[in-house]
Structures are given as structure tokens and as C-alpha cells.
Amino acid sequence: MLVLLIVFMITAPLLTVGVSVDLPKTKASQLSSKGDPIIISIKKNGELYIQEREIDTLQLLPRLKAISSGNNNLRIYVRGDKDVPYGLVLDTIAKIKSSGFKKVALVAKLQEG
């Protein structure tokens, strides 16, 4: 449970990704990192996006492998709408990690105040 709590508290700077997702809020500090990550977005209705392009769920892993060119240390940020079922977000992260990617993190908004 503690590990899951820590995973959900991890935040990342919001990059210019055009998919509108209502992110949950947290008080955790931002991660500082170099280079551009791959952004996976999950909209409220379950639509899946890589960066700004909508993809089918079955195409997620093949597309990630093609984009990464075998680099399993590529950073992948998962942005799930706050109304998306918890299980769908965890299932997406599990698929990504099981395919060999090591740096997968969740994105949330910083709480104001």
C-alpha cells in the first residue's frame, strides 16, 4: 500500500501535450528530469493517447517499442483523468512495465495552497 501511495504522489512537469485530461491533485513535489518523456494519456471515456495521437489499447506496447527503439530507460509518464477507474490506470502501467520499460511515473497537478 505504501508503494502505491508513493507512486501516486510522484508528479512531473506538465509538458505541452494537447490531450485534455482532468488530473488529480497532490501536494508532492515535482520531479526534475532531463530530456523529453513519452506521455501516455487516458481520458475519462477510456480513450488512450501517446503524446497527442489516439491509439487502440492493443497498439500501446508495439508503438512504445517502436518509439523507444529498444531503449528501455526511456521515461514514460502516464496521465489519467481523475474520473478514470483506478484499475484502468494501474493496468496500463502494468502493461508498460511488463514490456521492459523501467521508468514509468504518474502525473498529477500540484494542489494550490
PDB file of N, CA and C in Angstrom:
ATOM      1  N   MET A   1       0.829  -1.181   0.000  1.00  0.00           N
ATOM      2  CA  MET A   1       0.000   0.000   0.000  1.00  0.00           C
ATOM      3  C   MET A   1       0.878   1.252   0.000  1.00  0.00           C
ATOM      4  N   LEU A   2       1.949   1.231   0.775  1.00  0.00           N
ATOM      5  CA  LEU A   2       2.819   2.392   0.840  1.00  0.00           C
ATOM      6  C   LEU A   2       3.464   2.675  -0.512  1.00  0.00           C
ATOM      7  N   VAL A   3       3.871   1.632  -1.208  1.00  0.00           N
ATOM      8  CA  VAL A   3       4.487   1.799  -2.519  1.00  0.00           C
ATOM      9  C   VAL A   3       3.493   2.426  -3.489  1.00  0.00           C
ATOM     10  N   LEU A   4       2.242   1.954  -3.445  1.00  0.00           N
ATOM     11  CA  LEU A   4       1.227   2.537  -4.314  1.00  0.00           C
ATOM     12  C   LEU A   4       0.992   4.004  -3.976  1.00  0.00           C
ATOM     13  N   LEU A   5       1.000   4.326  -2.707  1.00  0.00           N
ATOM     14  CA  LEU A   5       0.821   5.707  -2.289  1.00  0.00           C
ATOM     15  C   LEU A   5       1.945   6.575  -2.825  1.00  0.00           C
ATOM     16  N   ILE A   6       3.169   6.100  -2.710  1.00  0.00           N
ATOM     17  CA  ILE A   6       4.321   6.854  -3.206  1.00  0.00           C
ATOM     18  C   ILE A   6       4.245   7.028  -4.715  1.00  0.00           C
ATOM     19  N   VAL A   7       3.864   5.965  -5.413  1.00  0.00           N
ATOM     20  CA  VAL A   7       3.752   6.048  -6.873  1.00  0.00           C
ATOM     21  C   VAL A   7       2.754   7.133  -7.264  1.00  0.00           C
ATOM     22  N   PHE A   8       1.630   7.190  -6.577  1.00  0.00           N
ATOM     23  CA  PHE A   8       0.624   8.194  -6.916  1.00  0.00           C
ATOM     24  C   PHE A   8       1.013   9.598  -6.493  1.00  0.00           C
ATOM     25  N   MET A   9       1.944   9.716  -5.586  1.00  0.00           N
ATOM     26  CA  MET A   9       2.375  11.043  -5.159  1.00  0.00           C
ATOM     27  C   MET A   9       3.447  11.624  -6.069  1.00  0.00           C
ATOM     28  N   ILE A  10       3.998  10.798  -6.938  1.00  0.00           N
ATOM     29  CA  ILE A  10       5.025  11.271  -7.859  1.00  0.00           C
ATOM     30  C   ILE A  10       4.382  12.193  -8.886  1.00  0.00           C
ATOM     31  N   THR A  11       4.974  13.328  -9.085  1.00  0.00           N
ATOM     32  CA  THR A  11       4.449  14.259 -10.079  1.00  0.00           C
ATOM     33  C   THR A  11       5.535  14.611 -11.074  1.00  0.00           C
ATOM     34  N   ALA A  12       5.111  15.158 -12.160  1.00  0.00           N
ATOM     35  CA  ALA A  12       6.052  15.553 -13.202  1.00  0.00           C
ATOM     36  C   ALA A  12       5.552  16.847 -13.816  1.00  0.00           C
ATOM     37  N   PRO A  13       6.461  17.622 -14.360  1.00  0.00           N
ATOM     38  CA  PRO A  13       6.030  18.865 -15.000  1.00  0.00           C
ATOM     39  C   PRO A  13       5.133  18.558 -16.188  1.00  0.00           C
ATOM     40  N   LEU A  14       4.078  19.345 -16.316  1.00  0.00           N
ATOM     41  CA  LEU A  14       3.166  19.137 -17.437  1.00  0.00           C
ATOM     42  C   LEU A  14       3.778  19.762 -18.679  1.00  0.00           C
ATOM     43  N   LEU A  15       3.986  18.941 -19.669  1.00  0.00           N
ATOM     44  CA  LEU A  15       4.568  19.411 -20.915  1.00  0.00           C
ATOM     45  C   LEU A  15       3.443  19.813 -21.858  1.00  0.00           C
ATOM     46  N   THR A  16       3.779  20.270 -22.994  1.00  0.00           N
ATOM     47  CA  THR A  16       2.782  20.732 -23.948  1.00  0.00           C
ATOM     48  C   THR A  16       2.159  19.549 -24.673  1.00  0.00           C
ATOM     49  N   VAL A  17       1.310  18.860 -23.964  1.00  0.00           N
ATOM     50  CA  VAL A  17       0.583  17.743 -24.542  1.00  0.00           C
ATOM     51  C   VAL A  17      -0.850  18.210 -24.743  1.00  0.00           C
ATOM     52  N   GLY A  18      -1.371  18.052 -25.943  1.00  0.00           N
ATOM     53  CA  GLY A  18      -2.662  18.619 -26.299  1.00  0.00           C
ATOM     54  C   GLY A  18      -3.878  17.843 -25.857  1.00  0.00           C
ATOM     55  N   VAL A  19      -3.729  16.696 -25.237  1.00  0.00           N
ATOM     56  CA  VAL A  19      -4.879  15.916 -24.820  1.00  0.00           C
ATOM     57  C   VAL A  19      -5.378  16.468 -23.495  1.00  0.00           C
ATOM     58  N   SER A  20      -6.652  16.841 -23.462  1.00  0.00           N
ATOM     59  CA  SER A  20      -7.227  17.435 -22.263  1.00  0.00           C
ATOM     60  C   SER A  20      -7.618  16.339 -21.279  1.00  0.00           C
ATOM     61  N   VAL A  21      -6.928  16.318 -20.130  1.00  0.00           N
ATOM     62  CA  VAL A  21      -7.191  15.331 -19.088  1.00  0.00           C
ATOM     63  C   VAL A  21      -7.297  16.080 -17.770  1.00  0.00           C
ATOM     64  N   ASP A  22      -8.351  15.806 -16.997  1.00  0.00           N
ATOM     65  CA  ASP A  22      -8.544  16.429 -15.696  1.00  0.00           C
ATOM     66  C   ASP A  22      -7.759  15.620 -14.660  1.00  0.00           C
ATOM     67  N   LEU A  23      -6.540  16.065 -14.377  1.00  0.00           N
ATOM     68  CA  LEU A  23      -5.632  15.314 -13.499  1.00  0.00           C
ATOM     69  C   LEU A  23      -6.015  15.455 -12.035  1.00  0.00           C
ATOM     70  N   PRO A  24      -5.757  14.416 -11.237  1.00  0.00           N
ATOM     71  CA  PRO A  24      -5.948  14.547  -9.791  1.00  0.00           C
ATOM     72  C   PRO A  24      -4.886  15.480  -9.213  1.00  0.00           C
ATOM     73  N   LYS A  25      -5.143  15.990  -8.018  1.00  0.00           N
ATOM     74  CA  LYS A  25      -4.208  16.931  -7.391  1.00  0.00           C
ATOM     75  C   LYS A  25      -3.480  16.269  -6.235  1.00  0.00           C
ATOM     76  N   THR A  26      -2.224  16.704  -5.998  1.00  0.00           N
ATOM     77  CA  THR A  26      -1.415  16.174  -4.916  1.00  0.00           C
ATOM     78  C   THR A  26      -0.524  17.275  -4.361  1.00  0.00           C
ATOM     79  N   LYS A  27       0.018  17.069  -3.163  1.00  0.00           N
ATOM     80  CA  LYS A  27       0.928  18.032  -2.563  1.00  0.00           C
ATOM     81  C   LYS A  27       2.385  17.633  -2.749  1.00  0.00           C
ATOM     82  N   ALA A  28       2.647  16.548  -3.440  1.00  0.00           N
ATOM     83  CA  ALA A  28       4.021  16.076  -3.655  1.00  0.00           C
ATOM     84  C   ALA A  28       4.791  17.065  -4.522  1.00  0.00           C
ATOM     85  N   SER A  29       6.109  17.071  -4.367  1.00  0.00           N
ATOM     86  CA  SER A  29       6.935  17.983  -5.157  1.00  0.00           C
ATOM     87  C   SER A  29       7.163  17.410  -6.547  1.00  0.00           C
ATOM     88  N   GLN A  30       7.560  18.297  -7.467  1.00  0.00           N
ATOM     89  CA  GLN A  30       7.782  17.894  -8.843  1.00  0.00           C
ATOM     90  C   GLN A  30       9.097  17.156  -8.994  1.00  0.00           C
ATOM     91  N   LEU A  31       9.130  16.241  -9.969  1.00  0.00           N
ATOM     92  CA  LEU A  31      10.373  15.566 -10.318  1.00  0.00           C
ATOM     93  C   LEU A  31      11.154  16.464 -11.256  1.00  0.00           C
ATOM     94  N   SER A  32      12.457  16.530 -11.077  1.00  0.00           N
ATOM     95  CA  SER A  32      13.271  17.253 -12.032  1.00  0.00           C
ATOM     96  C   SER A  32      14.018  16.225 -12.871  1.00  0.00           C
ATOM     97  N   SER A  33      13.873  16.355 -14.168  1.00  0.00           N
ATOM     98  CA  SER A  33      14.493  15.376 -15.045  1.00  0.00           C
ATOM     99  C   SER A  33      14.842  16.025 -16.370  1.00  0.00           C
ATOM    100  N   LYS A  34      15.769  15.396 -17.079  1.00  0.00           N
ATOM    101  CA  LYS A  34      16.254  15.932 -18.342  1.00  0.00           C
ATOM    102  C   LYS A  34      15.686  15.113 -19.492  1.00  0.00           C
ATOM    103  N   GLY A  35      15.538  15.758 -20.638  1.00  0.00           N
ATOM    104  CA  GLY A  35      15.044  15.061 -21.817  1.00  0.00           C
ATOM    105  C   GLY A  35      13.528  15.008 -21.848  1.00  0.00           C
ATOM    106  N   ASP A  36      13.010  14.661 -22.994  1.00  0.00           N
ATOM    107  CA  ASP A  36      11.566  14.600 -23.174  1.00  0.00           C
ATOM    108  C   ASP A  36      11.049  13.186 -22.950  1.00  0.00           C
ATOM    109  N   PRO A  37      10.068  13.037 -22.070  1.00  0.00           N
ATOM    110  CA  PRO A  37       9.476  11.717 -21.849  1.00  0.00           C
ATOM    111  C   PRO A  37       8.386  11.445 -22.876  1.00  0.00           C
ATOM    112  N   ILE A  38       7.918  10.224 -22.910  1.00  0.00           N
ATOM    113  CA  ILE A  38       6.744   9.871 -23.694  1.00  0.00           C
ATOM    114  C   ILE A  38       5.547  10.026 -22.759  1.00  0.00           C
ATOM    115  N   ILE A  39       4.510  10.697 -23.238  1.00  0.00           N
ATOM    116  CA  ILE A  39       3.328  10.933 -22.420  1.00  0.00           C
ATOM    117  C   ILE A  39       2.202  10.016 -22.887  1.00  0.00           C
ATOM    118  N   ILE A  40       1.692   9.203 -21.971  1.00  0.00           N
ATOM    119  CA  ILE A  40       0.528   8.354 -22.229  1.00  0.00           C
ATOM    120  C   ILE A  40      -0.642   9.001 -21.488  1.00  0.00           C
ATOM    121  N   SER A  41      -1.707   9.337 -22.207  1.00  0.00           N
ATOM    122  CA  SER A  41      -2.879   9.961 -21.588  1.00  0.00           C
ATOM    123  C   SER A  41      -4.081   9.035 -21.680  1.00  0.00           C
ATOM    124  N   ILE A  42      -4.847   8.985 -20.584  1.00  0.00           N
ATOM    125  CA  ILE A  42      -6.070   8.200 -20.553  1.00  0.00           C
ATOM    126  C   ILE A  42      -7.207   9.167 -20.227  1.00  0.00           C
ATOM    127  N   LYS A  43      -8.096   9.363 -21.194  1.00  0.00           N
ATOM    128  CA  LYS A  43      -9.212  10.281 -20.993  1.00  0.00           C
ATOM    129  C   LYS A  43     -10.318   9.630 -20.176  1.00  0.00           C
ATOM    130  N   LYS A  44     -11.257  10.449 -19.743  1.00  0.00           N
ATOM    131  CA  LYS A  44     -12.367   9.998 -18.897  1.00  0.00           C
ATOM    132  C   LYS A  44     -13.139   8.835 -19.520  1.00  0.00           C
ATOM    133  N   ASN A  45     -13.295   8.854 -20.842  1.00  0.00           N
ATOM    134  CA  ASN A  45     -14.060   7.807 -21.529  1.00  0.00           C
ATOM    135  C   ASN A  45     -13.207   6.574 -21.863  1.00  0.00           C
ATOM    136  N   GLY A  46     -11.937   6.557 -21.420  1.00  0.00           N
ATOM    137  CA  GLY A  46     -11.071   5.408 -21.630  1.00  0.00           C
ATOM    138  C   GLY A  46     -10.208   5.474 -22.877  1.00  0.00           C
ATOM    139  N   GLU A  47     -10.348   6.560 -23.669  1.00  0.00           N
ATOM    140  CA  GLU A  47      -9.506   6.704 -24.860  1.00  0.00           C
ATOM    141  C   GLU A  47      -8.053   6.822 -24.441  1.00  0.00           C
ATOM    142  N   LEU A  48      -7.171   6.200 -25.217  1.00  0.00           N
ATOM    143  CA  LEU A  48      -5.738   6.154 -24.908  1.00  0.00           C
ATOM    144  C   LEU A  48      -4.970   6.947 -25.953  1.00  0.00           C
ATOM    145  N   TYR A  49      -4.011   7.744 -25.505  1.00  0.00           N
ATOM    146  CA  TYR A  49      -3.206   8.578 -26.393  1.00  0.00           C
ATOM    147  C   TYR A  49      -1.728   8.391 -26.093  1.00  0.00           C
ATOM    148  N   ILE A  50      -0.905   8.396 -27.130  1.00  0.00           N
ATOM    149  CA  ILE A  50       0.540   8.546 -26.990  1.00  0.00           C
ATOM    150  C   ILE A  50       0.837   9.929 -27.528  1.00  0.00           C
ATOM    151  N   GLN A  51       1.391  10.774 -26.661  1.00  0.00           N
ATOM    152  CA  GLN A  51       1.559  12.194 -26.950  1.00  0.00           C
ATOM    153  C   GLN A  51       0.169  12.727 -27.315  1.00  0.00           C
ATOM    154  N   GLU A  52      -0.057  13.180 -28.556  1.00  0.00           N
ATOM    155  CA  GLU A  52      -1.357  13.735 -28.931  1.00  0.00           C
ATOM    156  C   GLU A  52      -2.132  12.832 -29.879  1.00  0.00           C
ATOM    157  N   ARG A  53      -1.626  11.649 -30.137  1.00  0.00           N
ATOM    158  CA  ARG A  53      -2.257  10.752 -31.111  1.00  0.00           C
ATOM    159  C   ARG A  53      -3.030   9.652 -30.404  1.00  0.00           C
ATOM    160  N   GLU A  54      -4.322   9.529 -30.751  1.00  0.00           N
ATOM    161  CA  GLU A  54      -5.151   8.471 -30.175  1.00  0.00           C
ATOM    162  C   GLU A  54      -4.731   7.122 -30.751  1.00  0.00           C
ATOM    163  N   ILE A  55      -4.672   6.126 -29.872  1.00  0.00           N
ATOM    164  CA  ILE A  55      -4.302   4.774 -30.314  1.00  0.00           C
ATOM    165  C   ILE A  55      -5.249   3.765 -29.698  1.00  0.00           C
ATOM    166  N   ASP A  56      -5.287   2.584 -30.291  1.00  0.00           N
ATOM    167  CA  ASP A  56      -6.041   1.477 -29.751  1.00  0.00           C
ATOM    168  C   ASP A  56      -5.236   0.864 -28.604  1.00  0.00           C
ATOM    169  N   THR A  57      -5.903   0.344 -27.604  1.00  0.00           N
ATOM    170  CA  THR A  57      -5.219  -0.246 -26.450  1.00  0.00           C
ATOM    171  C   THR A  57      -4.253  -1.356 -26.864  1.00  0.00           C
ATOM    172  N   LEU A  58      -4.622  -2.126 -27.866  1.00  0.00           N
ATOM    173  CA  LEU A  58      -3.766  -3.226 -28.325  1.00  0.00           C
ATOM    174  C   LEU A  58      -2.491  -2.722 -29.012  1.00  0.00           C
ATOM    175  N   GLN A  59      -2.498  -1.484 -29.462  1.00  0.00           N
ATOM    176  CA  GLN A  59      -1.337  -0.922 -30.156  1.00  0.00           C
ATOM    177  C   GLN A  59      -0.365  -0.202 -29.211  1.00  0.00           C
ATOM    178  N   LEU A  60      -0.701  -0.110 -27.931  1.00  0.00           N
ATOM    179  CA  LEU A  60       0.144   0.634 -26.990  1.00  0.00           C
ATOM    180  C   LEU A  60       1.568   0.104 -26.938  1.00  0.00           C
ATOM    181  N   LEU A  61       1.737  -1.156 -26.639  1.00  0.00           N
ATOM    182  CA  LEU A  61       3.089  -1.717 -26.485  1.00  0.00           C
ATOM    183  C   LEU A  61       3.886  -1.727 -27.788  1.00  0.00           C
ATOM    184  N   PRO A  62       3.296  -2.147 -28.930  1.00  0.00           N
ATOM    185  CA  PRO A  62       4.070  -2.081 -30.172  1.00  0.00           C
ATOM    186  C   PRO A  62       4.517  -0.659 -30.522  1.00  0.00           C
ATOM    187  N   ARG A  63       3.647   0.323 -30.280  1.00  0.00           N
ATOM    188  CA  ARG A  63       4.014   1.718 -30.583  1.00  0.00           C
ATOM    189  C   ARG A  63       5.120   2.211 -29.655  1.00  0.00           C
ATOM    190  N   LEU A  64       5.026   1.876 -28.362  1.00  0.00           N
ATOM    191  CA  LEU A  64       6.065   2.291 -27.419  1.00  0.00           C
ATOM    192  C   LEU A  64       7.411   1.687 -27.788  1.00  0.00           C
ATOM    193  N   LYS A  65       7.404   0.412 -28.166  1.00  0.00           N
ATOM    194  CA  LYS A  65       8.654  -0.245 -28.555  1.00  0.00           C
ATOM    195  C   LYS A  65       9.227   0.378 -29.811  1.00  0.00           C
ATOM    196  N   ALA A  66       8.368   0.769 -30.755  1.00  0.00           N
ATOM    197  CA  ALA A  66       8.843   1.405 -31.986  1.00  0.00           C
ATOM    198  C   ALA A  66       9.411   2.795 -31.691  1.00  0.00           C
ATOM    199  N   ILE A  67       8.745   3.541 -30.831  1.00  0.00           N
ATOM    200  CA  ILE A  67       9.201   4.891 -30.482  1.00  0.00           C
ATOM    201  C   ILE A  67      10.523   4.844 -29.723  1.00  0.00           C
ATOM    202  N   SER A  68      10.652   3.891 -28.812  1.00  0.00           N
ATOM    203  CA  SER A  68      11.831   3.829 -27.947  1.00  0.00           C
ATOM    204  C   SER A  68      13.063   3.268 -28.636  1.00  0.00           C
ATOM    205  N   SER A  69      12.881   2.580 -29.740  1.00  0.00           N
ATOM    206  CA  SER A  69      13.998   1.955 -30.472  1.00  0.00           C
ATOM    207  C   SER A  69      14.852   1.072 -29.558  1.00  0.00           C
ATOM    208  N   GLY A  70      14.202   0.333 -28.677  1.00  0.00           N
ATOM    209  CA  GLY A  70      14.913  -0.591 -27.798  1.00  0.00           C
ATOM    210  C   GLY A  70      15.489   0.026 -26.540  1.00  0.00           C
ATOM    211  N   ASN A  71      15.267   1.321 -26.314  1.00  0.00           N
ATOM    212  CA  ASN A  71      15.767   1.996 -25.118  1.00  0.00           C
ATOM    213  C   ASN A  71      14.753   1.815 -23.984  1.00  0.00           C
ATOM    214  N   ASN A  72      14.962   0.847 -23.117  1.00  0.00           N
ATOM    215  CA  ASN A  72      14.030   0.590 -22.015  1.00  0.00           C
ATOM    216  C   ASN A  72      14.174   1.576 -20.867  1.00  0.00           C
ATOM    217  N   ASN A  73      15.150   2.482 -20.924  1.00  0.00           N
ATOM    218  CA  ASN A  73      15.321   3.502 -19.892  1.00  0.00           C
ATOM    219  C   ASN A  73      14.614   4.805 -20.242  1.00  0.00           C
ATOM    220  N   LEU A  74      13.851   4.795 -21.322  1.00  0.00           N
ATOM    221  CA  LEU A  74      13.091   5.961 -21.721  1.00  0.00           C
ATOM    222  C   LEU A  74      12.029   6.258 -20.667  1.00  0.00           C
ATOM    223  N   ARG A  75      11.866   7.524 -20.310  1.00  0.00           N
ATOM    224  CA  ARG A  75      10.865   7.895 -19.303  1.00  0.00           C
ATOM    225  C   ARG A  75       9.477   7.926 -19.935  1.00  0.00           C
ATOM    226  N   ILE A  76       8.518   7.333 -19.255  1.00  0.00           N
ATOM    227  CA  ILE A  76       7.136   7.306 -19.708  1.00  0.00           C
ATOM    228  C   ILE A  76       6.267   7.852 -18.584  1.00  0.00           C
ATOM    229  N   TYR A  77       5.491   8.897 -18.889  1.00  0.00           N
ATOM    230  CA  TYR A  77       4.585   9.488 -17.908  1.00  0.00           C
ATOM    231  C   TYR A  77       3.160   9.108 -18.285  1.00  0.00           C
ATOM    232  N   VAL A  78       2.404   8.628 -17.312  1.00  0.00           N
ATOM    233  CA  VAL A  78       1.013   8.253 -17.524  1.00  0.00           C
ATOM    234  C   VAL A  78       0.136   9.321 -16.886  1.00  0.00           C
ATOM    235  N   ARG A  79      -0.726   9.927 -17.713  1.00  0.00           N
ATOM    236  CA  ARG A  79      -1.660  10.956 -17.256  1.00  0.00           C
ATOM    237  C   ARG A  79      -3.059  10.379 -17.329  1.00  0.00           C
ATOM    238  N   GLY A  80      -3.647  10.076 -16.192  1.00  0.00           N
ATOM    239  CA  GLY A  80      -5.000   9.518 -16.164  1.00  0.00           C
ATOM    240  C   GLY A  80      -5.984  10.532 -15.623  1.00  0.00           C
ATOM    241  N   ASP A  81      -7.093  10.718 -16.321  1.00  0.00           N
ATOM    242  CA  ASP A  81      -8.145  11.603 -15.836  1.00  0.00           C
ATOM    243  C   ASP A  81      -8.569  11.151 -14.442  1.00  0.00           C
ATOM    244  N   LYS A  82      -8.935  12.093 -13.593  1.00  0.00           N
ATOM    245  CA  LYS A  82      -9.277  11.728 -12.215  1.00  0.00           C
ATOM    246  C   LYS A  82     -10.529  10.860 -12.134  1.00  0.00           C
ATOM    247  N   ASP A  83     -11.343  10.836 -13.191  1.00  0.00           N
ATOM    248  CA  ASP A  83     -12.554  10.024 -13.194  1.00  0.00           C
ATOM    249  C   ASP A  83     -12.370   8.669 -13.886  1.00  0.00           C
ATOM    250  N   VAL A  84     -11.146   8.383 -14.353  1.00  0.00           N
ATOM    251  CA  VAL A  84     -10.860   7.082 -14.961  1.00  0.00           C
ATOM    252  C   VAL A  84     -10.766   6.050 -13.838  1.00  0.00           C
ATOM    253  N   PRO A  85     -11.342   4.875 -14.025  1.00  0.00           N
ATOM    254  CA  PRO A  85     -11.238   3.844 -12.985  1.00  0.00           C
ATOM    255  C   PRO A  85      -9.769   3.545 -12.637  1.00  0.00           C
ATOM    256  N   TYR A  86      -9.508   3.448 -11.357  1.00  0.00           N
ATOM    257  CA  TYR A  86      -8.167   3.189 -10.823  1.00  0.00           C
ATOM    258  C   TYR A  86      -7.531   1.973 -11.487  1.00  0.00           C
ATOM    259  N   GLY A  87      -8.319   0.937 -11.698  1.00  0.00           N
ATOM    260  CA  GLY A  87      -7.820  -0.297 -12.288  1.00  0.00           C
ATOM    261  C   GLY A  87      -7.315  -0.105 -13.708  1.00  0.00           C
ATOM    262  N   LEU A  88      -7.949   0.765 -14.475  1.00  0.00           N
ATOM    263  CA  LEU A  88      -7.518   1.010 -15.859  1.00  0.00           C
ATOM    264  C   LEU A  88      -6.142   1.666 -15.896  1.00  0.00           C
ATOM    265  N   VAL A  89      -5.914   2.625 -15.009  1.00  0.00           N
ATOM    266  CA  VAL A  89      -4.609   3.289 -14.940  1.00  0.00           C
ATOM    267  C   VAL A  89      -3.536   2.292 -14.502  1.00  0.00           C
ATOM    268  N   LEU A  90      -3.822   1.509 -13.470  1.00  0.00           N
ATOM    269  CA  LEU A  90      -2.853   0.512 -12.994  1.00  0.00           C
ATOM    270  C   LEU A  90      -2.584  -0.559 -14.047  1.00  0.00           C
ATOM    271  N   ASP A  91      -3.620  -0.960 -14.773  1.00  0.00           N
ATOM    272  CA  ASP A  91      -3.448  -1.961 -15.819  1.00  0.00           C
ATOM    273  C   ASP A  91      -2.541  -1.423 -16.931  1.00  0.00           C
ATOM    274  N   THR A  92      -2.719  -0.163 -17.288  1.00  0.00           N
ATOM    275  CA  THR A  92      -1.880   0.463 -18.316  1.00  0.00           C
ATOM    276  C   THR A  92      -0.424   0.514 -17.855  1.00  0.00           C
ATOM    277  N   ILE A  93      -0.195   0.913 -16.617  1.00  0.00           N
ATOM    278  CA  ILE A  93       1.169   0.972 -16.077  1.00  0.00           C
ATOM    279  C   ILE A  93       1.780  -0.427 -16.029  1.00  0.00           C
ATOM    280  N   ALA A  94       0.989  -1.403 -15.607  1.00  0.00           N
ATOM    281  CA  ALA A  94       1.497  -2.780 -15.527  1.00  0.00           C
ATOM    282  C   ALA A  94       1.901  -3.306 -16.897  1.00  0.00           C
ATOM    283  N   LYS A  95       1.110  -3.013 -17.926  1.00  0.00           N
ATOM    284  CA  LYS A  95       1.450  -3.440 -19.283  1.00  0.00           C
ATOM    285  C   LYS A  95       2.770  -2.818 -19.730  1.00  0.00           C
ATOM    286  N   ILE A  96       2.927  -1.531 -19.457  1.00  0.00           N
ATOM    287  CA  ILE A  96       4.152  -0.830 -19.870  1.00  0.00           C
ATOM    288  C   ILE A  96       5.362  -1.422 -19.153  1.00  0.00           C
ATOM    289  N   LYS A  97       5.252  -1.608 -17.834  1.00  0.00           N
ATOM    290  CA  LYS A  97       6.375  -2.142 -17.059  1.00  0.00           C
ATOM    291  C   LYS A  97       6.684  -3.590 -17.430  1.00  0.00           C
ATOM    292  N   SER A  98       5.661  -4.382 -17.703  1.00  0.00           N
ATOM    293  CA  SER A  98       5.891  -5.782 -18.051  1.00  0.00           C
ATOM    294  C   SER A  98       6.551  -5.936 -19.420  1.00  0.00           C
ATOM    295  N   SER A  99       6.470  -4.900 -20.239  1.00  0.00           N
ATOM    296  CA  SER A  99       7.123  -4.969 -21.550  1.00  0.00           C
ATOM    297  C   SER A  99       8.590  -4.543 -21.476  1.00  0.00           C
ATOM    298  N   GLY A 100       9.077  -4.247 -20.266  1.00  0.00           N
ATOM    299  CA  GLY A 100      10.505  -3.985 -20.093  1.00  0.00           C
ATOM    300  C   GLY A 100      10.876  -2.545 -19.806  1.00  0.00           C
ATOM    301  N   PHE A 101       9.934  -1.616 -19.882  1.00  0.00           N
ATOM    302  CA  PHE A 101      10.253  -0.214 -19.587  1.00  0.00           C
ATOM    303  C   PHE A 101      10.412  -0.043 -18.082  1.00  0.00           C
ATOM    304  N   LYS A 102      11.472   0.654 -17.681  1.00  0.00           N
ATOM    305  CA  LYS A 102      11.820   0.750 -16.268  1.00  0.00           C
ATOM    306  C   LYS A 102      11.382   2.049 -15.601  1.00  0.00           C
ATOM    307  N   LYS A 103      11.226   3.117 -16.376  1.00  0.00           N
ATOM    308  CA  LYS A 103      10.936   4.436 -15.799  1.00  0.00           C
ATOM    309  C   LYS A 103       9.529   4.873 -16.178  1.00  0.00           C
ATOM    310  N   VAL A 104       8.558   4.426 -15.392  1.00  0.00           N
ATOM    311  CA  VAL A 104       7.156   4.771 -15.616  1.00  0.00           C
ATOM    312  C   VAL A 104       6.671   5.528 -14.387  1.00  0.00           C
ATOM    313  N   ALA A 105       6.040   6.693 -14.595  1.00  0.00           N
ATOM    314  CA  ALA A 105       5.571   7.502 -13.478  1.00  0.00           C
ATOM    315  C   ALA A 105       4.194   8.070 -13.792  1.00  0.00           C
ATOM    316  N   LEU A 106       3.469   8.437 -12.758  1.00  0.00           N
ATOM    317  CA  LEU A 106       2.170   9.076 -12.898  1.00  0.00           C
ATOM    318  C   LEU A 106       2.329  10.583 -12.849  1.00  0.00           C
ATOM    319  N   VAL A 107       1.411  11.278 -13.493  1.00  0.00           N
ATOM    320  CA  VAL A 107       1.416  12.742 -13.495  1.00  0.00           C
ATOM    321  C   VAL A 107       0.176  13.212 -12.755  1.00  0.00           C
ATOM    322  N   ALA A 108       0.348  14.222 -11.902  1.00  0.00           N
ATOM    323  CA  ALA A 108      -0.772  14.836 -11.181  1.00  0.00           C
ATOM    324  C   ALA A 108      -0.541  16.343 -11.129  1.00  0.00           C
ATOM    325  N   LYS A 109      -1.593  17.080 -10.835  1.00  0.00           N
ATOM    326  CA  LYS A 109      -1.472  18.524 -10.645  1.00  0.00           C
ATOM    327  C   LYS A 109      -1.050  18.786  -9.214  1.00  0.00           C
ATOM    328  N   LEU A 110      -0.304  19.871  -9.013  1.00  0.00           N
ATOM    329  CA  LEU A 110       0.035  20.285  -7.656  1.00  0.00           C
ATOM    330  C   LEU A 110      -1.171  20.970  -7.035  1.00  0.00           C
ATOM    331  N   GLN A 111      -1.463  20.640  -5.773  1.00  0.00           N
ATOM    332  CA  GLN A 111      -2.548  21.286  -5.075  1.00  0.00           C
ATOM    333  C   GLN A 111      -2.151  22.707  -4.760  1.00  0.00           C
ATOM    334  N   GLU A 112      -3.111  23.608  -4.884  1.00  0.00           N
ATOM    335  CA  GLU A 112      -2.832  25.008  -4.548  1.00  0.00           C
ATOM    336  C   GLU A 112      -2.935  25.191  -3.048  1.00  0.00           C
ATOM    337  N   GLY A 113      -2.001  25.974  -2.502  1.00  0.00           N
ATOM    338  CA  GLY A 113      -2.027  26.272  -1.078  1.00  0.00           C
ATOM    339  C   GLY A 113      -1.398  25.249  -0.312  1.00  0.00           C
TER     340      GLY A 113
END
